[in-house]
Amino acid sequence: MSALIPASSANGGMFSASTGSASDRRQQNALARQTRHEVDQIMARAEVENTAEQARAFLTASALMNTATLVAQAEAHMKVAPAGGQFYEQLIASYAISAGQRIAKL
């Protein structure tokens, strides 16, 4: 190495483990810990979002099943009490809209 070019500039400012000072190794370890911490935070957020997505899918499937059940019941009631048709429809629509809003809030 030339006396004009410092050793730290010759390798882009990076020290190898064998030539780096204790201070440099501490900085590298601190950077590695910070990187691991950030990666852990990203993974935790991804896990939470995945769980929320699964919950939304489950609730959506449940709301679909409930709506289908309500429609089938309304069809049966239409045969017995056809005058309630507008109310059956309104009740089912109200349930479906409310269920959708609750799922969207999750």
Protein backbone atom coordinates (compact mmCIF):
# COMPACT_ATOMS: atom_id res chain seq x y z
CA MET A 1 0.00 0.00 0.00
CA SER A 2 1.23 3.47 -0.78
CA ALA A 3 1.70 5.95 2.01
CA LEU A 4 -0.55 8.32 0.04
CA ILE A 5 -3.58 5.98 0.05
CA PRO A 6 -4.93 5.07 3.50
CA ALA A 7 -5.77 1.40 4.00
CA SER A 8 -9.44 2.23 4.63
CA SER A 9 -9.74 3.91 1.19
CA ALA A 10 -8.06 1.10 -0.68
CA ASN A 11 -10.85 -1.38 0.06
CA GLY A 12 -13.78 1.03 -0.17
CA GLY A 13 -13.78 1.89 3.51
CA MET A 14 -14.42 -1.71 4.61
CA PHE A 15 -12.11 -3.50 6.97
CA SER A 16 -11.66 -7.21 7.03
CA ALA A 17 -12.18 -8.94 10.35
CA SER A 18 -8.45 -9.55 10.66
CA THR A 19 -7.42 -5.92 10.04
CA GLY A 20 -10.38 -4.04 11.55
CA SER A 21 -10.23 -2.45 14.94
CA ALA A 22 -12.47 -3.43 17.82
CA SER A 23 -14.47 -0.25 17.22
CA ASP A 24 -15.07 -1.25 13.60
CA ARG A 25 -16.22 -4.73 14.64
CA ARG A 26 -18.60 -3.20 17.20
CA GLN A 27 -20.06 -0.96 14.48
CA GLN A 28 -20.47 -3.94 12.17
CA ASN A 29 -22.15 -5.95 14.93
CA ALA A 30 -24.44 -3.04 15.75
CA LEU A 31 -25.40 -2.74 12.09
CA ALA A 32 -26.07 -6.49 11.91
CA ARG A 33 -28.28 -6.28 15.04
CA GLN A 34 -30.19 -3.32 13.61
CA THR A 35 -30.69 -5.16 10.32
CA ARG A 36 -31.95 -8.29 12.12
CA HIS A 37 -34.32 -6.13 14.19
CA GLU A 38 -35.74 -4.45 11.08
CA VAL A 39 -36.17 -7.81 9.33
CA ASP A 40 -37.92 -9.20 12.42
CA GLN A 41 -40.30 -6.21 12.43
CA ILE A 42 -41.13 -6.71 8.75
CA MET A 43 -41.76 -10.42 9.30
CA ALA A 44 -43.99 -9.67 12.31
CA ARG A 45 -46.07 -7.19 10.29
CA ALA A 46 -46.38 -9.72 7.47
CA GLU A 47 -47.55 -12.40 9.91
CA VAL A 48 -50.16 -10.06 11.42
CA GLU A 49 -51.43 -9.06 7.96
CA ASN A 50 -51.60 -12.70 6.88
CA THR A 51 -53.62 -13.60 9.98
CA ALA A 52 -55.99 -10.67 9.39
CA GLU A 53 -56.42 -11.74 5.76
CA GLN A 54 -57.28 -15.29 6.82
CA ALA A 55 -59.79 -13.93 9.34
CA ARG A 56 -61.42 -11.75 6.67
CA ALA A 57 -61.69 -14.74 4.31
CA PHE A 58 -63.21 -16.90 7.06
CA LEU A 59 -65.73 -14.21 8.00
CA THR A 60 -66.60 -13.63 4.35
CA ALA A 61 -67.28 -17.33 3.83
CA SER A 62 -69.41 -17.35 6.98
CA ALA A 63 -71.37 -14.28 5.84
CA LEU A 64 -71.98 -15.89 2.45
CA MET A 65 -73.28 -19.04 4.12
CA ASN A 66 -75.49 -17.02 6.46
CA THR A 67 -76.85 -14.95 3.57
CA ALA A 68 -77.62 -18.09 1.55
CA THR A 69 -79.40 -19.55 4.57
CA LEU A 70 -81.43 -16.38 5.01
CA VAL A 71 -82.39 -16.38 1.32
CA ALA A 72 -83.51 -20.01 1.56
CA GLN A 73 -85.58 -19.17 4.65
CA ALA A 74 -87.08 -16.16 2.90
CA GLU A 75 -88.05 -18.32 -0.07
CA ALA A 76 -89.80 -20.74 2.28
CA HIS A 77 -91.57 -17.87 4.04
CA MET A 78 -92.67 -16.43 0.71
CA LYS A 79 -94.76 -19.57 0.17
CA VAL A 80 -96.45 -19.17 3.55
CA ALA A 81 -96.59 -15.37 3.86
CA PRO A 82 -95.87 -13.73 0.50
CA ALA A 83 -96.90 -10.31 1.78
CA GLY A 84 -93.66 -10.18 3.81
CA GLY A 85 -91.49 -10.36 0.69
CA GLN A 86 -90.33 -6.76 0.81
CA PHE A 87 -89.39 -7.16 4.47
CA TYR A 88 -87.52 -10.41 3.89
CA GLU A 89 -85.53 -8.77 1.13
CA GLN A 90 -84.76 -5.72 3.26
CA LEU A 91 -83.68 -7.84 6.22
CA ILE A 92 -81.37 -9.95 4.08
CA ALA A 93 -79.86 -6.90 2.38
CA SER A 94 -79.37 -5.23 5.76
CA TYR A 95 -77.61 -8.30 7.14
CA ALA A 96 -75.37 -8.66 4.08
CA ILE A 97 -74.38 -4.97 4.09
CA SER A 98 -73.67 -4.97 7.84
CA ALA A 99 -71.60 -8.14 7.58
CA GLY A 100 -69.59 -6.62 4.75
CA GLN A 101 -68.93 -3.48 6.77
CA ARG A 102 -67.81 -5.47 9.81
CA ILE A 103 -65.45 -7.52 7.68
CA ALA A 104 -64.03 -4.40 6.03
CA LYS A 105 -63.20 -2.92 9.46
CA LEU A 106 -61.06 -5.90 10.39
